[in-house]
Amino acid sequence: MVIYQYKNLIKKFVRYTRVVEWKNAIYVIINFFKVDDLNRENTQLKERIEALEDHSLNRPPPTTRRTLTRRRVTADTSDNNAILVDDLTRENNKLKHKIA
């Protein structure tokens, strides 16, 4: 799966260097690694919360999930990684707050 992600990253990089400026290509790479790090942190936080909930006798009531989320509109709409970074950062902050 990681190889597939790097393959997509290289395709995006080549596409952006041909069409747009180098600056945008660099942002795509930075966002790719941010998403990768946030996904990893997100899974670790979820595992930690599950472990804490399993050990506690008082399980908290299930929370209602919001259906609408605010998303930041980026200048480059073809790059969804910037939106993913915002969503994952928001989710990770909620999970950290839940642990504390």
N, C-alpha and C. Protein backbone atom coordinates (compact mmCIF):
# COMPACT_ATOMS: atom_id res chain seq x y z
N MET A 1 0.81 -1.18 0.00
CA MET A 1 0.00 0.00 0.00
C MET A 1 0.86 1.26 0.00
N VAL A 2 1.94 1.22 0.73
CA VAL A 2 2.83 2.38 0.78
C VAL A 2 3.44 2.63 -0.60
N ILE A 3 3.80 1.56 -1.28
CA ILE A 3 4.37 1.71 -2.62
C ILE A 3 3.35 2.35 -3.55
N TYR A 4 2.10 1.96 -3.43
CA TYR A 4 1.04 2.53 -4.24
C TYR A 4 0.89 4.02 -3.95
N GLN A 5 0.99 4.41 -2.67
CA GLN A 5 0.89 5.82 -2.31
C GLN A 5 2.04 6.63 -2.90
N TYR A 6 3.25 6.07 -2.83
CA TYR A 6 4.39 6.78 -3.40
C TYR A 6 4.26 6.87 -4.92
N LYS A 7 3.69 5.86 -5.54
CA LYS A 7 3.47 5.89 -6.98
C LYS A 7 2.53 7.04 -7.34
N ASN A 8 1.46 7.19 -6.56
CA ASN A 8 0.53 8.29 -6.79
C ASN A 8 1.20 9.64 -6.53
N LEU A 9 2.04 9.69 -5.52
CA LEU A 9 2.75 10.92 -5.21
C LEU A 9 3.64 11.33 -6.38
N ILE A 10 4.35 10.38 -6.94
CA ILE A 10 5.23 10.68 -8.07
C ILE A 10 4.42 11.15 -9.28
N LYS A 11 3.27 10.49 -9.51
CA LYS A 11 2.41 10.92 -10.62
C LYS A 11 1.95 12.36 -10.42
N LYS A 12 1.52 12.70 -9.19
CA LYS A 12 1.08 14.06 -8.91
C LYS A 12 2.22 15.05 -9.11
N PHE A 13 3.39 14.68 -8.61
CA PHE A 13 4.54 15.57 -8.71
C PHE A 13 4.87 15.86 -10.17
N VAL A 14 4.88 14.82 -10.99
CA VAL A 14 5.18 15.00 -12.41
C VAL A 14 4.11 15.87 -13.07
N ARG A 15 2.86 15.61 -12.74
CA ARG A 15 1.77 16.39 -13.33
C ARG A 15 1.88 17.86 -12.95
N TYR A 16 2.15 18.14 -11.67
CA TYR A 16 2.23 19.52 -11.22
C TYR A 16 3.45 20.24 -11.78
N THR A 17 4.55 19.54 -11.94
CA THR A 17 5.74 20.22 -12.46
C THR A 17 5.55 20.58 -13.93
N ARG A 18 4.74 19.83 -14.63
CA ARG A 18 4.48 20.16 -16.04
C ARG A 18 3.48 21.30 -16.17
N VAL A 19 2.44 21.26 -15.35
CA VAL A 19 1.32 22.18 -15.54
C VAL A 19 1.47 23.45 -14.70
N VAL A 20 1.77 23.27 -13.43
CA VAL A 20 1.75 24.40 -12.50
C VAL A 20 3.18 24.69 -12.07
N GLU A 21 3.31 25.58 -11.12
CA GLU A 21 4.62 25.97 -10.64
C GLU A 21 5.21 24.88 -9.74
N TRP A 22 6.51 25.01 -9.50
CA TRP A 22 7.18 24.09 -8.58
C TRP A 22 6.65 24.24 -7.16
N LYS A 23 6.25 25.44 -6.82
CA LYS A 23 5.75 25.72 -5.48
C LYS A 23 4.56 24.82 -5.14
N ASN A 24 3.63 24.69 -6.06
CA ASN A 24 2.46 23.85 -5.83
C ASN A 24 2.85 22.38 -5.74
N ALA A 25 3.82 21.96 -6.52
CA ALA A 25 4.28 20.56 -6.46
C ALA A 25 4.88 20.26 -5.09
N ILE A 26 5.60 21.21 -4.54
CA ILE A 26 6.19 21.01 -3.22
C ILE A 26 5.10 20.93 -2.15
N TYR A 27 4.05 21.77 -2.29
CA TYR A 27 2.94 21.70 -1.35
C TYR A 27 2.23 20.36 -1.40
N VAL A 28 2.12 19.79 -2.58
CA VAL A 28 1.50 18.47 -2.70
C VAL A 28 2.30 17.43 -1.94
N ILE A 29 3.62 17.47 -2.06
CA ILE A 29 4.48 16.51 -1.36
C ILE A 29 4.38 16.71 0.16
N ILE A 30 4.41 17.97 0.60
CA ILE A 30 4.31 18.24 2.05
C ILE A 30 2.98 17.73 2.59
N ASN A 31 1.89 18.02 1.88
CA ASN A 31 0.58 17.56 2.34
C ASN A 31 0.49 16.04 2.34
N PHE A 32 1.13 15.39 1.38
CA PHE A 32 1.11 13.93 1.34
C PHE A 32 1.72 13.36 2.62
N PHE A 33 2.88 13.90 3.04
CA PHE A 33 3.52 13.39 4.23
C PHE A 33 2.75 13.79 5.50
N LYS A 34 2.10 14.95 5.49
CA LYS A 34 1.28 15.33 6.63
C LYS A 34 0.12 14.36 6.80
N VAL A 35 -0.52 14.00 5.69
CA VAL A 35 -1.64 13.06 5.74
C VAL A 35 -1.16 11.71 6.25
N ASP A 36 -0.01 11.27 5.79
CA ASP A 36 0.54 9.99 6.22
C ASP A 36 0.80 10.01 7.73
N ASP A 37 1.43 11.07 8.23
CA ASP A 37 1.71 11.18 9.66
C ASP A 37 0.43 11.27 10.48
N LEU A 38 -0.53 12.06 10.00
CA LEU A 38 -1.78 12.21 10.74
C LEU A 38 -2.58 10.92 10.77
N ASN A 39 -2.56 10.17 9.67
CA ASN A 39 -3.25 8.87 9.66
C ASN A 39 -2.64 7.93 10.68
N ARG A 40 -1.32 7.91 10.75
CA ARG A 40 -0.63 7.05 11.71
C ARG A 40 -0.96 7.46 13.15
N GLU A 41 -0.92 8.78 13.40
CA GLU A 41 -1.24 9.27 14.73
C GLU A 41 -2.71 8.99 15.08
N ASN A 42 -3.58 9.13 14.09
CA ASN A 42 -5.00 8.88 14.29
C ASN A 42 -5.25 7.44 14.71
N THR A 43 -4.63 6.48 14.04
CA THR A 43 -4.84 5.08 14.40
C THR A 43 -4.28 4.79 15.79
N GLN A 44 -3.14 5.39 16.14
CA GLN A 44 -2.58 5.19 17.47
C GLN A 44 -3.50 5.74 18.55
N LEU A 45 -4.07 6.92 18.29
CA LEU A 45 -4.98 7.51 19.27
C LEU A 45 -6.25 6.69 19.43
N LYS A 46 -6.77 6.18 18.31
CA LYS A 46 -7.98 5.35 18.39
C LYS A 46 -7.71 4.07 19.16
N GLU A 47 -6.56 3.45 18.94
CA GLU A 47 -6.20 2.24 19.68
C GLU A 47 -6.06 2.54 21.17
N ARG A 48 -5.48 3.69 21.47
CA ARG A 48 -5.31 4.07 22.88
C ARG A 48 -6.65 4.31 23.56
N ILE A 49 -7.57 4.95 22.83
CA ILE A 49 -8.91 5.19 23.40
C ILE A 49 -9.63 3.87 23.62
N GLU A 50 -9.53 2.95 22.66
CA GLU A 50 -10.19 1.64 22.82
C GLU A 50 -9.63 0.91 24.04
N ALA A 51 -8.32 0.98 24.24
CA ALA A 51 -7.71 0.33 25.40
C ALA A 51 -8.19 0.96 26.70
N LEU A 52 -8.28 2.28 26.71
CA LEU A 52 -8.77 2.96 27.92
C LEU A 52 -10.22 2.63 28.19
N GLU A 53 -11.04 2.56 27.15
CA GLU A 53 -12.46 2.25 27.33
C GLU A 53 -12.65 0.80 27.79
N ASP A 54 -11.81 -0.10 27.30
CA ASP A 54 -11.92 -1.50 27.71
C ASP A 54 -11.59 -1.67 29.19
N HIS A 55 -10.66 -0.86 29.70
CA HIS A 55 -10.25 -0.99 31.10
C HIS A 55 -11.19 -0.27 32.06
N SER A 56 -11.95 0.65 31.55
CA SER A 56 -12.83 1.39 32.46
C SER A 56 -14.15 0.64 32.63
N LEU A 57 -14.69 0.71 33.82
CA LEU A 57 -15.98 0.08 34.08
C LEU A 57 -17.12 0.95 33.59
N ASN A 58 -16.94 2.24 33.70
CA ASN A 58 -17.99 3.16 33.25
C ASN A 58 -17.73 3.54 31.80
N ARG A 59 -18.38 2.88 30.93
CA ARG A 59 -18.23 3.23 29.52
C ARG A 59 -19.04 4.49 29.24
N PRO A 60 -18.46 5.45 28.57
CA PRO A 60 -19.21 6.67 28.27
C PRO A 60 -20.31 6.38 27.24
N PRO A 61 -21.39 7.14 27.29
CA PRO A 61 -22.45 6.91 26.31
C PRO A 61 -21.95 7.26 24.91
N PRO A 62 -22.47 6.60 23.92
CA PRO A 62 -22.01 6.90 22.56
C PRO A 62 -22.35 8.34 22.18
N THR A 63 -21.39 8.98 21.57
CA THR A 63 -21.60 10.38 21.20
C THR A 63 -22.24 10.44 19.82
N THR A 64 -23.03 11.46 19.64
CA THR A 64 -23.64 11.64 18.32
C THR A 64 -22.61 12.25 17.40
N ARG A 65 -22.59 11.76 16.20
CA ARG A 65 -21.60 12.21 15.24
C ARG A 65 -22.17 13.32 14.38
N ARG A 66 -21.38 14.34 14.17
CA ARG A 66 -21.82 15.42 13.31
C ARG A 66 -21.83 14.96 11.86
N THR A 67 -22.84 15.35 11.15
CA THR A 67 -22.88 14.98 9.73
C THR A 67 -22.26 16.06 8.86
N LEU A 68 -22.32 17.29 9.32
CA LEU A 68 -21.75 18.38 8.54
C LEU A 68 -20.44 18.81 9.15
N THR A 69 -19.42 18.92 8.34
CA THR A 69 -18.12 19.40 8.80
C THR A 69 -17.71 20.57 7.94
N ARG A 70 -17.09 21.54 8.58
CA ARG A 70 -16.58 22.67 7.81
C ARG A 70 -15.28 22.27 7.17
N ARG A 71 -15.14 22.61 5.91
CA ARG A 71 -13.90 22.30 5.20
C ARG A 71 -13.34 23.57 4.60
N ARG A 72 -12.06 23.67 4.70
CA ARG A 72 -11.38 24.84 4.14
C ARG A 72 -11.23 24.64 2.64
N VAL A 73 -11.58 25.64 1.90
CA VAL A 73 -11.44 25.58 0.45
C VAL A 73 -10.03 26.02 0.10
N THR A 74 -9.33 25.19 -0.62
CA THR A 74 -7.96 25.52 -0.98
C THR A 74 -7.94 26.14 -2.37
N ALA A 75 -6.87 26.85 -2.65
CA ALA A 75 -6.73 27.47 -3.96
C ALA A 75 -6.64 26.40 -5.04
N ASP A 76 -6.03 25.28 -4.71
CA ASP A 76 -5.87 24.20 -5.67
C ASP A 76 -6.90 23.13 -5.33
N THR A 77 -8.00 23.09 -6.05
CA THR A 77 -9.09 22.18 -5.70
C THR A 77 -8.78 20.75 -6.10
N SER A 78 -7.79 20.53 -6.96
CA SER A 78 -7.47 19.16 -7.35
C SER A 78 -6.67 18.43 -6.28
N ASP A 79 -6.13 19.17 -5.30
CA ASP A 79 -5.36 18.54 -4.25
C ASP A 79 -6.23 18.36 -3.02
N ASN A 80 -6.73 17.16 -2.83
CA ASN A 80 -7.60 16.88 -1.68
C ASN A 80 -6.82 16.64 -0.40
N ASN A 81 -5.50 16.53 -0.50
CA ASN A 81 -4.70 16.27 0.69
C ASN A 81 -4.77 17.43 1.69
N ALA A 82 -4.89 18.65 1.21
CA ALA A 82 -4.98 19.79 2.13
C ALA A 82 -6.25 19.71 2.96
N ILE A 83 -7.35 19.30 2.34
CA ILE A 83 -8.60 19.13 3.07
C ILE A 83 -8.47 17.96 4.04
N LEU A 84 -7.81 16.89 3.60
CA LEU A 84 -7.59 15.74 4.48
C LEU A 84 -6.77 16.12 5.70
N VAL A 85 -5.75 16.94 5.50
CA VAL A 85 -4.91 17.38 6.62
C VAL A 85 -5.76 18.10 7.65
N ASP A 86 -6.64 19.00 7.19
CA ASP A 86 -7.51 19.73 8.13
C ASP A 86 -8.43 18.79 8.88
N ASP A 87 -9.06 17.88 8.16
CA ASP A 87 -9.99 16.95 8.80
C ASP A 87 -9.29 16.05 9.81
N LEU A 88 -8.14 15.51 9.43
CA LEU A 88 -7.41 14.62 10.33
C LEU A 88 -6.87 15.37 11.54
N THR A 89 -6.42 16.60 11.34
CA THR A 89 -5.94 17.39 12.47
C THR A 89 -7.07 17.64 13.45
N ARG A 90 -8.24 17.99 12.92
CA ARG A 90 -9.40 18.24 13.78
C ARG A 90 -9.78 16.97 14.55
N GLU A 91 -9.79 15.83 13.84
CA GLU A 91 -10.15 14.57 14.49
C GLU A 91 -9.12 14.18 15.54
N ASN A 92 -7.84 14.36 15.24
CA ASN A 92 -6.80 14.03 16.21
C ASN A 92 -6.90 14.90 17.45
N ASN A 93 -7.22 16.18 17.27
CA ASN A 93 -7.38 17.05 18.43
C ASN A 93 -8.54 16.60 19.30
N LYS A 94 -9.63 16.16 18.67
CA LYS A 94 -10.78 15.66 19.44
C LYS A 94 -10.39 14.40 20.21
N LEU A 95 -9.62 13.52 19.56
CA LEU A 95 -9.22 12.28 20.22
C LEU A 95 -8.27 12.56 21.38
N LYS A 96 -7.35 13.50 21.20
CA LYS A 96 -6.44 13.86 22.29
C LYS A 96 -7.21 14.43 23.47
N HIS A 97 -8.22 15.25 23.16
CA HIS A 97 -9.05 15.83 24.23
C HIS A 97 -9.83 14.74 24.95
N LYS A 98 -10.26 13.73 24.21
CA LYS A 98 -11.02 12.62 24.80
C LYS A 98 -10.13 11.79 25.74
N ILE A 99 -8.86 11.64 25.38
CA ILE A 99 -7.93 10.87 26.21
C ILE A 99 -7.62 11.62 27.51
N ALA A 100 -7.43 12.92 27.39
CA ALA A 100 -7.03 13.73 28.57
C ALA A 100 -8.11 13.85 29.61
